PDB file of N, CA and C in Angstrom:
ATOM      1  N   MET A   1       0.848  -1.174   0.000  1.00  0.00           N
ATOM      2  CA  MET A   1       0.000   0.000   0.000  1.00  0.00           C
ATOM      3  C   MET A   1       0.892   1.235   0.000  1.00  0.00           C
ATOM      4  N   ILE A   2       0.632   2.151  -0.930  1.00  0.00           N
ATOM      5  CA  ILE A   2       1.383   3.394  -1.002  1.00  0.00           C
ATOM      6  C   ILE A   2       0.437   4.538  -0.667  1.00  0.00           C
ATOM      7  N   VAL A   3       0.830   5.349   0.284  1.00  0.00           N
ATOM      8  CA  VAL A   3       0.029   6.479   0.713  1.00  0.00           C
ATOM      9  C   VAL A   3       0.885   7.730   0.582  1.00  0.00           C
ATOM     10  N   THR A   4       0.385   8.750  -0.114  1.00  0.00           N
ATOM     11  CA  THR A   4       1.177   9.963  -0.264  1.00  0.00           C
ATOM     12  C   THR A   4       0.667  11.099   0.597  1.00  0.00           C
ATOM     13  N   ARG A   5      -0.486  10.963   1.212  1.00  0.00           N
ATOM     14  CA  ARG A   5      -0.978  11.978   2.144  1.00  0.00           C
ATOM     15  C   ARG A   5      -1.860  11.306   3.169  1.00  0.00           C
ATOM     16  N   ILE A   6      -1.487  11.442   4.410  1.00  0.00           N
ATOM     17  CA  ILE A   6      -2.279  10.897   5.510  1.00  0.00           C
ATOM     18  C   ILE A   6      -2.628  12.073   6.397  1.00  0.00           C
ATOM     19  N   GLY A   7      -3.887  12.261   6.700  1.00  0.00           N
ATOM     20  CA  GLY A   7      -4.261  13.367   7.563  1.00  0.00           C
ATOM     21  C   GLY A   7      -5.496  13.037   8.362  1.00  0.00           C
ATOM     22  N   LEU A   8      -5.677  13.754   9.454  1.00  0.00           N
ATOM     23  CA  LEU A   8      -6.849  13.566  10.287  1.00  0.00           C
ATOM     24  C   LEU A   8      -7.680  14.829  10.213  1.00  0.00           C
ATOM     25  N   ASN A   9      -8.828  14.752   9.576  1.00  0.00           N
ATOM     26  CA  ASN A   9      -9.725  15.888   9.510  1.00  0.00           C
ATOM     27  C   ASN A   9     -10.884  15.734  10.484  1.00  0.00           C
ATOM     28  N   LYS A  10     -11.092  14.537  10.962  1.00  0.00           N
ATOM     29  CA  LYS A  10     -12.144  14.246  11.925  1.00  0.00           C
ATOM     30  C   LYS A  10     -11.506  13.666  13.167  1.00  0.00           C
ATOM     31  N   ALA A  11     -12.234  13.625  14.234  1.00  0.00           N
ATOM     32  CA  ALA A  11     -11.712  13.045  15.482  1.00  0.00           C
ATOM     33  C   ALA A  11     -11.317  11.592  15.243  1.00  0.00           C
ATOM     34  N   CYS A  12     -10.160  11.226  15.689  1.00  0.00           N
ATOM     35  CA  CYS A  12      -9.662   9.861  15.555  1.00  0.00           C
ATOM     36  C   CYS A  12     -10.315   8.996  16.633  1.00  0.00           C
ATOM     37  N   GLN A  13     -11.173   8.090  16.227  1.00  0.00           N
ATOM     38  CA  GLN A  13     -11.901   7.270  17.189  1.00  0.00           C
ATOM     39  C   GLN A  13     -10.962   6.376  17.989  1.00  0.00           C
ATOM     40  N   GLN A  14      -9.910   5.844  17.359  1.00  0.00           N
ATOM     41  CA  GLN A  14      -8.956   5.030  18.112  1.00  0.00           C
ATOM     42  C   GLN A  14      -8.259   5.877  19.164  1.00  0.00           C
ATOM     43  N   CYS A  15      -7.865   7.111  18.771  1.00  0.00           N
ATOM     44  CA  CYS A  15      -7.194   7.987  19.733  1.00  0.00           C
ATOM     45  C   CYS A  15      -8.138   8.332  20.873  1.00  0.00           C
ATOM     46  N   LEU A  16      -9.390   8.616  20.556  1.00  0.00           N
ATOM     47  CA  LEU A  16     -10.370   8.954  21.576  1.00  0.00           C
ATOM     48  C   LEU A  16     -10.528   7.791  22.555  1.00  0.00           C
ATOM     49  N   GLY A  17     -10.620   6.571  22.014  1.00  0.00           N
ATOM     50  CA  GLY A  17     -10.738   5.402  22.875  1.00  0.00           C
ATOM     51  C   GLY A  17      -9.524   5.238  23.768  1.00  0.00           C
ATOM     52  N   LEU A  18      -8.342   5.493  23.222  1.00  0.00           N
ATOM     53  CA  LEU A  18      -7.131   5.384  24.012  1.00  0.00           C
ATOM     54  C   LEU A  18      -7.103   6.439  25.103  1.00  0.00           C
ATOM     55  N   LEU A  19      -7.549   7.659  24.788  1.00  0.00           N
ATOM     56  CA  LEU A  19      -7.589   8.709  25.799  1.00  0.00           C
ATOM     57  C   LEU A  19      -8.568   8.357  26.921  1.00  0.00           C
ATOM     58  N   LEU A  20      -9.694   7.761  26.557  1.00  0.00           N
ATOM     59  CA  LEU A  20     -10.675   7.395  27.562  1.00  0.00           C
ATOM     60  C   LEU A  20     -10.186   6.236  28.425  1.00  0.00           C
ATOM     61  N   LEU A  21      -9.425   5.321  27.819  1.00  0.00           N
ATOM     62  CA  LEU A  21      -8.951   4.156  28.552  1.00  0.00           C
ATOM     63  C   LEU A  21      -7.680   4.428  29.336  1.00  0.00           C
ATOM     64  N   ALA A  22      -6.941   5.451  28.954  1.00  0.00           N
ATOM     65  CA  ALA A  22      -5.645   5.709  29.586  1.00  0.00           C
ATOM     66  C   ALA A  22      -5.594   7.138  30.119  1.00  0.00           C
ATOM     67  N   PRO A  23      -6.156   7.372  31.289  1.00  0.00           N
ATOM     68  CA  PRO A  23      -6.184   8.729  31.830  1.00  0.00           C
ATOM     69  C   PRO A  23      -4.803   9.263  32.191  1.00  0.00           C
ATOM     70  N   THR A  24      -3.770   8.429  32.108  1.00  0.00           N
ATOM     71  CA  THR A  24      -2.423   8.899  32.428  1.00  0.00           C
ATOM     72  C   THR A  24      -1.794   9.682  31.279  1.00  0.00           C
ATOM     73  N   ILE A  25      -2.424   9.711  30.119  1.00  0.00           N
ATOM     74  CA  ILE A  25      -1.888  10.495  29.007  1.00  0.00           C
ATOM     75  C   ILE A  25      -1.970  11.958  29.383  1.00  0.00           C
ATOM     76  N   ALA A  26      -0.843  12.628  29.327  1.00  0.00           N
ATOM     77  CA  ALA A  26      -0.756  14.014  29.795  1.00  0.00           C
ATOM     78  C   ALA A  26      -1.172  14.995  28.718  1.00  0.00           C
ATOM     79  N   ALA A  27      -1.821  16.066  29.115  1.00  0.00           N
ATOM     80  CA  ALA A  27      -2.130  17.162  28.204  1.00  0.00           C
ATOM     81  C   ALA A  27      -0.873  17.992  28.002  1.00  0.00           C
ATOM     82  N   ALA A  28      -0.899  18.857  26.985  1.00  0.00           N
ATOM     83  CA  ALA A  28       0.285  19.615  26.587  1.00  0.00           C
ATOM     84  C   ALA A  28       0.884  20.423  27.728  1.00  0.00           C
ATOM     85  N   ASP A  29       0.062  21.008  28.580  1.00  0.00           N
ATOM     86  CA  ASP A  29       0.613  21.858  29.629  1.00  0.00           C
ATOM     87  C   ASP A  29       1.360  21.082  30.702  1.00  0.00           C
ATOM     88  N   SER A  30       1.197  19.755  30.748  1.00  0.00           N
ATOM     89  CA  SER A  30       1.921  18.987  31.745  1.00  0.00           C
ATOM     90  C   SER A  30       3.055  18.166  31.136  1.00  0.00           C
ATOM     91  N   VAL A  31       3.233  18.234  29.814  1.00  0.00           N
ATOM     92  CA  VAL A  31       4.352  17.561  29.169  1.00  0.00           C
ATOM     93  C   VAL A  31       5.556  18.467  29.339  1.00  0.00           C
ATOM     94  N   THR A  32       6.571  17.975  30.042  1.00  0.00           N
ATOM     95  CA  THR A  32       7.668  18.855  30.433  1.00  0.00           C
ATOM     96  C   THR A  32       8.969  18.627  29.681  1.00  0.00           C
ATOM     97  N   HIS A  33       9.077  17.573  28.900  1.00  0.00           N
ATOM     98  CA  HIS A  33      10.348  17.345  28.220  1.00  0.00           C
ATOM     99  C   HIS A  33      10.351  18.005  26.844  1.00  0.00           C
ATOM    100  N   PRO A  34      11.545  18.329  26.337  1.00  0.00           N
ATOM    101  CA  PRO A  34      11.641  18.968  25.026  1.00  0.00           C
ATOM    102  C   PRO A  34      11.354  17.962  23.917  1.00  0.00           C
ATOM    103  N   PRO A  35      11.033  18.454  22.723  1.00  0.00           N
ATOM    104  CA  PRO A  35      10.817  17.536  21.601  1.00  0.00           C
ATOM    105  C   PRO A  35      12.135  16.865  21.206  1.00  0.00           C
ATOM    106  N   PRO A  36      12.061  15.754  20.482  1.00  0.00           N
ATOM    107  CA  PRO A  36      13.289  15.110  20.018  1.00  0.00           C
ATOM    108  C   PRO A  36      14.124  16.075  19.168  1.00  0.00           C
ATOM    109  N   ALA A  37      15.399  15.794  19.033  1.00  0.00           N
ATOM    110  CA  ALA A  37      16.310  16.657  18.277  1.00  0.00           C
ATOM    111  C   ALA A  37      15.765  16.957  16.882  1.00  0.00           C
ATOM    112  N   GLY A  38      15.721  18.227  16.561  1.00  0.00           N
ATOM    113  CA  GLY A  38      15.292  18.662  15.240  1.00  0.00           C
ATOM    114  C   GLY A  38      13.805  18.917  15.102  1.00  0.00           C
ATOM    115  N   TRP A  39      12.982  18.311  15.937  1.00  0.00           N
ATOM    116  CA  TRP A  39      11.543  18.516  15.874  1.00  0.00           C
ATOM    117  C   TRP A  39      11.222  19.917  16.384  1.00  0.00           C
ATOM    118  N   GLN A  40      10.245  20.551  15.773  1.00  0.00           N
ATOM    119  CA  GLN A  40       9.838  21.904  16.144  1.00  0.00           C
ATOM    120  C   GLN A  40       8.420  21.887  16.713  1.00  0.00           C
ATOM    121  N   LEU A  41       8.172  22.745  17.691  1.00  0.00           N
ATOM    122  CA  LEU A  41       6.813  22.966  18.186  1.00  0.00           C
ATOM    123  C   LEU A  41       6.180  24.039  17.318  1.00  0.00           C
ATOM    124  N   ASN A  42       4.997  23.762  16.789  1.00  0.00           N
ATOM    125  CA  ASN A  42       4.315  24.712  15.919  1.00  0.00           C
ATOM    126  C   ASN A  42       2.803  24.557  16.077  1.00  0.00           C
ATOM    127  N   ASN A  43       2.155  25.559  16.668  1.00  0.00           N
ATOM    128  CA  ASN A  43       0.694  25.538  16.817  1.00  0.00           C
ATOM    129  C   ASN A  43       0.171  24.233  17.416  1.00  0.00           C
ATOM    130  N   ASN A  44       0.634  23.883  18.589  1.00  0.00           N
ATOM    131  CA  ASN A  44       0.187  22.671  19.292  1.00  0.00           C
ATOM    132  C   ASN A  44       0.483  21.387  18.528  1.00  0.00           C
ATOM    133  N   ALA A  45       1.552  21.396  17.750  1.00  0.00           N
ATOM    134  CA  ALA A  45       1.962  20.190  17.028  1.00  0.00           C
ATOM    135  C   ALA A  45       3.486  20.082  17.059  1.00  0.00           C
ATOM    136  N   LEU A  46       3.964  18.855  17.015  1.00  0.00           N
ATOM    137  CA  LEU A  46       5.384  18.586  16.800  1.00  0.00           C
ATOM    138  C   LEU A  46       5.555  18.356  15.308  1.00  0.00           C
ATOM    139  N   GLU A  47       6.537  19.020  14.699  1.00  0.00           N
ATOM    140  CA  GLU A  47       6.728  18.901  13.259  1.00  0.00           C
ATOM    141  C   GLU A  47       8.178  18.607  12.913  1.00  0.00           C
ATOM    142  N   CYS A  48       8.354  17.822  11.859  1.00  0.00           N
ATOM    143  CA  CYS A  48       9.673  17.484  11.362  1.00  0.00           C
ATOM    144  C   CYS A  48       9.577  17.262   9.858  1.00  0.00           C
ATOM    145  N   VAL A  49      10.603  17.689   9.137  1.00  0.00           N
ATOM    146  CA  VAL A  49      10.709  17.438   7.701  1.00  0.00           C
ATOM    147  C   VAL A  49      11.980  16.632   7.470  1.00  0.00           C
ATOM    148  N   TYR A  50      11.831  15.508   6.788  1.00  0.00           N
ATOM    149  CA  TYR A  50      12.979  14.688   6.420  1.00  0.00           C
ATOM    150  C   TYR A  50      13.194  14.819   4.914  1.00  0.00           C
ATOM    151  N   GLU A  51      14.445  14.906   4.524  1.00  0.00           N
ATOM    152  CA  GLU A  51      14.792  15.008   3.110  1.00  0.00           C
ATOM    153  C   GLU A  51      15.487  13.716   2.693  1.00  0.00           C
ATOM    154  N   LEU A  52      14.898  13.035   1.733  1.00  0.00           N
ATOM    155  CA  LEU A  52      15.446  11.778   1.249  1.00  0.00           C
ATOM    156  C   LEU A  52      15.985  11.971  -0.166  1.00  0.00           C
ATOM    157  N   THR A  53      16.399  10.890  -0.798  1.00  0.00           N
ATOM    158  CA  THR A  53      17.014  10.984  -2.122  1.00  0.00           C
ATOM    159  C   THR A  53      15.983  11.201  -3.223  1.00  0.00           C
ATOM    160  N   ASN A  54      14.861  10.494  -3.137  1.00  0.00           N
ATOM    161  CA  ASN A  54      13.861  10.564  -4.203  1.00  0.00           C
ATOM    162  C   ASN A  54      12.496  10.138  -3.655  1.00  0.00           C
ATOM    163  N   PHE A  55      11.504  10.115  -4.523  1.00  0.00           N
ATOM    164  CA  PHE A  55      10.140   9.779  -4.130  1.00  0.00           C
ATOM    165  C   PHE A  55      10.022   8.350  -3.601  1.00  0.00           C
ATOM    166  N   VAL A  56      10.671   7.411  -4.268  1.00  0.00           N
ATOM    167  CA  VAL A  56      10.591   6.007  -3.841  1.00  0.00           C
ATOM    168  C   VAL A  56      11.146   5.854  -2.428  1.00  0.00           C
ATOM    169  N   ASP A  57      12.291   6.476  -2.142  1.00  0.00           N
ATOM    170  CA  ASP A  57      12.854   6.410  -0.787  1.00  0.00           C
ATOM    171  C   ASP A  57      11.918   7.054   0.229  1.00  0.00           C
ATOM    172  N   SER A  58      11.255   8.132  -0.177  1.00  0.00           N
ATOM    173  CA  SER A  58      10.307   8.810   0.717  1.00  0.00           C
ATOM    174  C   SER A  58       9.160   7.887   1.092  1.00  0.00           C
ATOM    175  N   VAL A  59       8.600   7.216   0.100  1.00  0.00           N
ATOM    176  CA  VAL A  59       7.476   6.308   0.351  1.00  0.00           C
ATOM    177  C   VAL A  59       7.920   5.118   1.202  1.00  0.00           C
ATOM    178  N   GLU A  60       9.099   4.578   0.921  1.00  0.00           N
ATOM    179  CA  GLU A  60       9.608   3.461   1.717  1.00  0.00           C
ATOM    180  C   GLU A  60       9.817   3.873   3.174  1.00  0.00           C
ATOM    181  N   PHE A  61      10.311   5.091   3.396  1.00  0.00           N
ATOM    182  CA  PHE A  61      10.482   5.588   4.762  1.00  0.00           C
ATOM    183  C   PHE A  61       9.120   5.703   5.457  1.00  0.00           C
ATOM    184  N   VAL A  62       8.146   6.286   4.787  1.00  0.00           N
ATOM    185  CA  VAL A  62       6.811   6.453   5.372  1.00  0.00           C
ATOM    186  C   VAL A  62       6.201   5.091   5.711  1.00  0.00           C
ATOM    187  N   ASN A  63       6.408   4.104   4.854  1.00  0.00           N
ATOM    188  CA  ASN A  63       5.865   2.773   5.133  1.00  0.00           C
ATOM    189  C   ASN A  63       6.439   2.191   6.421  1.00  0.00           C
ATOM    190  N   GLN A  64       7.648   2.571   6.808  1.00  0.00           N
ATOM    191  CA  GLN A  64       8.244   2.092   8.048  1.00  0.00           C
ATOM    192  C   GLN A  64       7.580   2.719   9.280  1.00  0.00           C
ATOM    193  N   LEU A  65       6.831   3.787   9.084  1.00  0.00           N
ATOM    194  CA  LEU A  65       6.170   4.467  10.193  1.00  0.00           C
ATOM    195  C   LEU A  65       4.826   3.845  10.540  1.00  0.00           C
ATOM    196  N   VAL A  66       4.354   2.946   9.707  1.00  0.00           N
ATOM    197  CA  VAL A  66       3.042   2.324   9.924  1.00  0.00           C
ATOM    198  C   VAL A  66       3.027   1.501  11.210  1.00  0.00           C
ATOM    199  N   GLU A  67       4.030   0.651  11.408  1.00  0.00           N
ATOM    200  CA  GLU A  67       4.026  -0.251  12.569  1.00  0.00           C
ATOM    201  C   GLU A  67       3.997   0.503  13.894  1.00  0.00           C
ATOM    202  N   PRO A  68       4.898   1.471  14.133  1.00  0.00           N
ATOM    203  CA  PRO A  68       4.815   2.159  15.428  1.00  0.00           C
ATOM    204  C   PRO A  68       3.530   2.970  15.580  1.00  0.00           C
ATOM    205  N   SER A  69       3.030   3.521  14.494  1.00  0.00           N
ATOM    206  CA  SER A  69       1.782   4.289  14.565  1.00  0.00           C
ATOM    207  C   SER A  69       0.611   3.398  14.946  1.00  0.00           C
ATOM    208  N   GLU A  70       0.543   2.232  14.346  1.00  0.00           N
ATOM    209  CA  GLU A  70      -0.528   1.291  14.663  1.00  0.00           C
ATOM    210  C   GLU A  70      -0.373   0.736  16.074  1.00  0.00           C
ATOM    211  N   ARG A  71       0.863   0.425  16.461  1.00  0.00           N
ATOM    212  CA  ARG A  71       1.099  -0.122  17.799  1.00  0.00           C
ATOM    213  C   ARG A  71       0.682   0.874  18.874  1.00  0.00           C
ATOM    214  N   LEU A  72       0.991   2.152  18.659  1.00  0.00           N
ATOM    215  CA  LEU A  72       0.629   3.188  19.633  1.00  0.00           C
ATOM    216  C   LEU A  72      -0.818   3.668  19.462  1.00  0.00           C
ATOM    217  N   ARG A  73      -1.440   3.239  18.358  1.00  0.00           N
ATOM    218  CA  ARG A  73      -2.795   3.701  18.028  1.00  0.00           C
ATOM    219  C   ARG A  73      -2.819   5.229  17.977  1.00  0.00           C
ATOM    220  N   HIS A  74      -1.794   5.769  17.333  1.00  0.00           N
ATOM    221  CA  HIS A  74      -1.650   7.222  17.199  1.00  0.00           C
ATOM    222  C   HIS A  74      -1.072   7.474  15.809  1.00  0.00           C
ATOM    223  N   HIS A  75      -1.737   8.311  15.037  1.00  0.00           N
ATOM    224  CA  HIS A  75      -1.424   8.411  13.620  1.00  0.00           C
ATOM    225  C   HIS A  75      -1.000   9.823  13.226  1.00  0.00           C
ATOM    226  N   PRO A  76       0.175   9.940  12.615  1.00  0.00           N
ATOM    227  CA  PRO A  76       0.689  11.256  12.226  1.00  0.00           C
ATOM    228  C   PRO A  76       0.004  11.777  10.969  1.00  0.00           C
ATOM    229  N   GLU A  77       0.104  13.083  10.794  1.00  0.00           N
ATOM    230  CA  GLU A  77      -0.234  13.686   9.510  1.00  0.00           C
ATOM    231  C   GLU A  77       1.050  13.677   8.710  1.00  0.00           C
ATOM    232  N   ILE A  78       1.003  13.099   7.515  1.00  0.00           N
ATOM    233  CA  ILE A  78       2.201  12.931   6.697  1.00  0.00           C
ATOM    234  C   ILE A  78       1.938  13.503   5.314  1.00  0.00           C
ATOM    235  N   GLU A  79       2.916  14.240   4.822  1.00  0.00           N
ATOM    236  CA  GLU A  79       2.842  14.775   3.464  1.00  0.00           C
ATOM    237  C   GLU A  79       4.148  14.455   2.758  1.00  0.00           C
ATOM    238  N   ILE A  80       4.055  13.875   1.565  1.00  0.00           N
ATOM    239  CA  ILE A  80       5.230  13.593   0.755  1.00  0.00           C
ATOM    240  C   ILE A  80       5.211  14.530  -0.442  1.00  0.00           C
ATOM    241  N   ILE A  81       6.280  15.272  -0.603  1.00  0.00           N
ATOM    242  CA  ILE A  81       6.481  16.076  -1.801  1.00  0.00           C
ATOM    243  C   ILE A  81       7.829  15.648  -2.367  1.00  0.00           C
ATOM    244  N   TYR A  82       7.766  14.782  -3.354  1.00  0.00           N
ATOM    245  CA  TYR A  82       8.909  14.155  -4.003  1.00  0.00           C
ATOM    246  C   TYR A  82       9.874  13.552  -2.988  1.00  0.00           C
ATOM    247  N   ASN A  83      10.933  14.275  -2.597  1.00  0.00           N
ATOM    248  CA  ASN A  83      11.921  13.697  -1.686  1.00  0.00           C
ATOM    249  C   ASN A  83      11.810  14.245  -0.263  1.00  0.00           C
ATOM    250  N   GLN A  84      10.776  15.007   0.009  1.00  0.00           N
ATOM    251  CA  GLN A  84      10.579  15.546   1.356  1.00  0.00           C
ATOM    252  C   GLN A  84       9.360  14.912   2.016  1.00  0.00           C
ATOM    253  N   VAL A  85       9.569  14.463   3.251  1.00  0.00           N
ATOM    254  CA  VAL A  85       8.494  13.893   4.054  1.00  0.00           C
ATOM    255  C   VAL A  85       8.266  14.815   5.238  1.00  0.00           C
ATOM    256  N   SER A  86       7.087  15.432   5.278  1.00  0.00           N
ATOM    257  CA  SER A  86       6.721  16.316   6.391  1.00  0.00           C
ATOM    258  C   SER A  86       5.805  15.549   7.327  1.00  0.00           C
ATOM    259  N   ILE A  87       6.142  15.601   8.612  1.00  0.00           N
ATOM    260  CA  ILE A  87       5.370  14.876   9.621  1.00  0.00           C
ATOM    261  C   ILE A  87       4.911  15.861  10.684  1.00  0.00           C
ATOM    262  N   SER A  88       3.634  15.770  11.030  1.00  0.00           N
ATOM    263  CA  SER A  88       3.067  16.602  12.087  1.00  0.00           C
ATOM    264  C   SER A  88       2.343  15.699  13.063  1.00  0.00           C
ATOM    265  N   LEU A  89       2.620  15.909  14.349  1.00  0.00           N
ATOM    266  CA  LEU A  89       2.004  15.110  15.406  1.00  0.00           C
ATOM    267  C   LEU A  89       1.245  16.011  16.363  1.00  0.00           C
ATOM    268  N   THR A  90       0.004  15.678  16.603  1.00  0.00           N
ATOM    269  CA  THR A  90      -0.815  16.343  17.605  1.00  0.00           C
ATOM    270  C   THR A  90      -1.918  15.371  17.989  1.00  0.00           C
ATOM    271  N   THR A  91      -2.524  15.576  19.131  1.00  0.00           N
ATOM    272  CA  THR A  91      -3.640  14.729  19.551  1.00  0.00           C
ATOM    273  C   THR A  91      -4.897  15.577  19.439  1.00  0.00           C
ATOM    274  N   HIS A  92      -5.596  15.414  18.328  1.00  0.00           N
ATOM    275  CA  HIS A  92      -6.770  16.237  18.038  1.00  0.00           C
ATOM    276  C   HIS A  92      -7.815  16.160  19.141  1.00  0.00           C
ATOM    277  N   ASP A  93      -8.031  14.954  19.657  1.00  0.00           N
ATOM    278  CA  ASP A  93      -9.060  14.770  20.682  1.00  0.00           C
ATOM    279  C   ASP A  93      -8.728  15.463  21.994  1.00  0.00           C
ATOM    280  N   ALA A  94      -7.435  15.695  22.242  1.00  0.00           N
ATOM    281  CA  ALA A  94      -7.025  16.387  23.463  1.00  0.00           C
ATOM    282  C   ALA A  94      -6.834  17.883  23.212  1.00  0.00           C
ATOM    283  N   GLY A  95      -6.925  18.289  21.957  1.00  0.00           N
ATOM    284  CA  GLY A  95      -6.770  19.706  21.631  1.00  0.00           C
ATOM    285  C   GLY A  95      -5.334  20.183  21.676  1.00  0.00           C
ATOM    286  N   GLY A  96      -4.383  19.280  21.505  1.00  0.00           N
ATOM    287  CA  GLY A  96      -2.979  19.676  21.521  1.00  0.00           C
ATOM    288  C   GLY A  96      -2.073  18.478  21.718  1.00  0.00           C
ATOM    289  N   LEU A  97      -0.911  18.749  22.249  1.00  0.00           N
ATOM    290  CA  LEU A  97       0.098  17.708  22.419  1.00  0.00           C
ATOM    291  C   LEU A  97      -0.144  16.867  23.665  1.00  0.00           C
ATOM    292  N   THR A  98       0.146  15.573  23.516  1.00  0.00           N
ATOM    293  CA  THR A  98       0.108  14.662  24.651  1.00  0.00           C
ATOM    294  C   THR A  98       1.398  13.845  24.640  1.00  0.00           C
ATOM    295  N   GLU A  99       1.550  13.034  25.645  1.00  0.00           N
ATOM    296  CA  GLU A  99       2.728  12.176  25.733  1.00  0.00           C
ATOM    297  C   GLU A  99       2.833  11.255  24.518  1.00  0.00           C
ATOM    298  N   LEU A 100       1.699  10.853  23.947  1.00  0.00           N
ATOM    299  CA  LEU A 100       1.709  10.009  22.748  1.00  0.00           C
ATOM    300  C   LEU A 100       2.451  10.674  21.599  1.00  0.00           C
ATOM    301  N   ASP A 101       2.276  11.990  21.439  1.00  0.00           N
ATOM    302  CA  ASP A 101       2.954  12.705  20.357  1.00  0.00           C
ATOM    303  C   ASP A 101       4.467  12.642  20.533  1.00  0.00           C
ATOM    304  N   TYR A 102       4.918  12.860  21.753  1.00  0.00           N
ATOM    305  CA  TYR A 102       6.352  12.813  22.030  1.00  0.00           C
ATOM    306  C   TYR A 102       6.899  11.394  21.856  1.00  0.00           C
ATOM    307  N   GLN A 103       6.140  10.406  22.293  1.00  0.00           N
ATOM    308  CA  GLN A 103       6.577   9.021  22.173  1.00  0.00           C
ATOM    309  C   GLN A 103       6.704   8.619  20.699  1.00  0.00           C
ATOM    310  N   LEU A 104       5.707   8.982  19.889  1.00  0.00           N
ATOM    311  CA  LEU A 104       5.770   8.634  18.472  1.00  0.00           C
ATOM    312  C   LEU A 104       6.888   9.409  17.778  1.00  0.00           C
ATOM    313  N   ALA A 105       7.099  10.666  18.143  1.00  0.00           N
ATOM    314  CA  ALA A 105       8.207  11.435  17.566  1.00  0.00           C
ATOM    315  C   ALA A 105       9.544  10.769  17.863  1.00  0.00           C
ATOM    316  N   GLU A 106       9.713  10.254  19.075  1.00  0.00           N
ATOM    317  CA  GLU A 106      10.948   9.549  19.429  1.00  0.00           C
ATOM    318  C   GLU A 106      11.115   8.291  18.579  1.00  0.00           C
ATOM    319  N   GLU A 107      10.036   7.559  18.382  1.00  0.00           N
ATOM    320  CA  GLU A 107      10.117   6.340  17.579  1.00  0.00           C
ATOM    321  C   GLU A 107      10.410   6.661  16.117  1.00  0.00           C
ATOM    322  N   ILE A 108       9.796   7.713  15.588  1.00  0.00           N
ATOM    323  CA  ILE A 108      10.067   8.126  14.211  1.00  0.00           C
ATOM    324  C   ILE A 108      11.530   8.555  14.081  1.00  0.00           C
ATOM    325  N   SER A 109      12.035   9.298  15.055  1.00  0.00           N
ATOM    326  CA  SER A 109      13.439   9.721  15.037  1.00  0.00           C
ATOM    327  C   SER A 109      14.379   8.517  15.047  1.00  0.00           C
ATOM    328  N   ALA A 110      14.041   7.491  15.815  1.00  0.00           N
ATOM    329  CA  ALA A 110      14.870   6.285  15.869  1.00  0.00           C
ATOM    330  C   ALA A 110      14.882   5.577  14.510  1.00  0.00           C
ATOM    331  N   ILE A 111      13.736   5.505  13.864  1.00  0.00           N
ATOM    332  CA  ILE A 111      13.658   4.893  12.531  1.00  0.00           C
ATOM    333  C   ILE A 111      14.477   5.720  11.546  1.00  0.00           C
ATOM    334  N   ALA A 112      14.374   7.033  11.633  1.00  0.00           N
ATOM    335  CA  ALA A 112      15.130   7.914  10.741  1.00  0.00           C
ATOM    336  C   ALA A 112      16.630   7.728  10.933  1.00  0.00           C
ATOM    337  N   ALA A 113      17.062   7.549  12.165  1.00  0.00           N
ATOM    338  CA  ALA A 113      18.485   7.387  12.470  1.00  0.00           C
ATOM    339  C   ALA A 113      19.041   6.065  11.938  1.00  0.00           C
ATOM    340  N   GLN A 114      18.160   5.096  11.693  1.00  0.00           N
ATOM    341  CA  GLN A 114      18.592   3.788  11.188  1.00  0.00           C
ATOM    342  C   GLN A 114      18.684   3.741   9.669  1.00  0.00           C
ATOM    343  N   GLN A 115      18.282   4.814   8.984  1.00  0.00           N
ATOM    344  CA  GLN A 115      18.332   4.838   7.530  1.00  0.00           C
ATOM    345  C   GLN A 115      19.785   4.960   7.069  1.00  0.00           C
ATOM    346  N   ASP A 116      20.026   4.651   5.804  1.00  0.00           N
ATOM    347  CA  ASP A 116      21.374   4.754   5.243  1.00  0.00           C
ATOM    348  C   ASP A 116      21.345   5.712   4.061  1.00  0.00           C
ATOM    349  N   PRO A 117      21.835   6.920   4.249  1.00  0.00           N
ATOM    350  CA  PRO A 117      22.441   7.497   5.451  1.00  0.00           C
ATOM    351  C   PRO A 117      21.367   7.886   6.465  1.00  0.00           C
ATOM    352  N   PRO A 118      21.767   8.080   7.726  1.00  0.00           N
ATOM    353  CA  PRO A 118      20.800   8.480   8.756  1.00  0.00           C
ATOM    354  C   PRO A 118      20.115   9.789   8.386  1.00  0.00           C
ATOM    355  N   LEU A 119      18.837   9.886   8.729  1.00  0.00           N
ATOM    356  CA  LEU A 119      18.062  11.093   8.442  1.00  0.00           C
ATOM    357  C   LEU A 119      17.942  11.962   9.686  1.00  0.00           C
ATOM    358  N   GLN A 120      17.948  13.263   9.466  1.00  0.00           N
ATOM    359  CA  GLN A 120      17.704  14.229  10.529  1.00  0.00           C
ATOM    360  C   GLN A 120      16.684  15.233  10.031  1.00  0.00           C
ATOM    361  N   CYS A 121      15.942  15.830  10.968  1.00  0.00           N
ATOM    362  CA  CYS A 121      14.987  16.865  10.587  1.00  0.00           C
ATOM    363  C   CYS A 121      15.728  18.018   9.914  1.00  0.00           C
ATOM    364  N   VAL A 122      15.118  18.569   8.876  1.00  0.00           N
ATOM    365  CA  VAL A 122      15.666  19.740   8.200  1.00  0.00           C
ATOM    366  C   VAL A 122      14.656  20.874   8.351  1.00  0.00           C
ATOM    367  N   PRO A 123      15.112  22.117   8.279  1.00  0.00           N
ATOM    368  CA  PRO A 123      14.171  23.241   8.400  1.00  0.00           C
ATOM    369  C   PRO A 123      13.125  23.207   7.282  1.00  0.00           C
ATOM    370  N   ARG A 124      11.906  23.570   7.652  1.00  0.00           N
ATOM    371  CA  ARG A 124      10.816  23.640   6.668  1.00  0.00           C
ATOM    372  C   ARG A 124      11.089  24.813   5.738  1.00  0.00           C
ATOM    373  N   MET A 125      10.916  24.557   4.452  1.00  0.00           N
ATOM    374  CA  MET A 125      11.179  25.624   3.464  1.00  0.00           C
ATOM    375  C   MET A 125       9.966  26.454   3.192  1.00  0.00           C
TER     376      MET A 125
END
């Protein structure tokens, strides 16, 4: 399956269920640690842009994000523009950032670091 744009325009029912079942998920004002290296805070979202070699590499990288997203039941907004993959994380049902956003950002960063060559967030153009 190839997906070139993933976004949440409606409340994520899985996320809502997870929030209801796990009251320990912190709201943005109680999340005290900084975002992973290179990730930026922007309008209640964590954002990162990765630059790859070409479109095929971009899609292959995005496909690696499916497993951690499904495991955490938390889904990023992803945009692919040829060799750039833009990722935005927020918890719509909580109205901002939660611990899930930071956890998924860390997992995405770990996957990026395992690429050849390793990927790092680049400034948004």
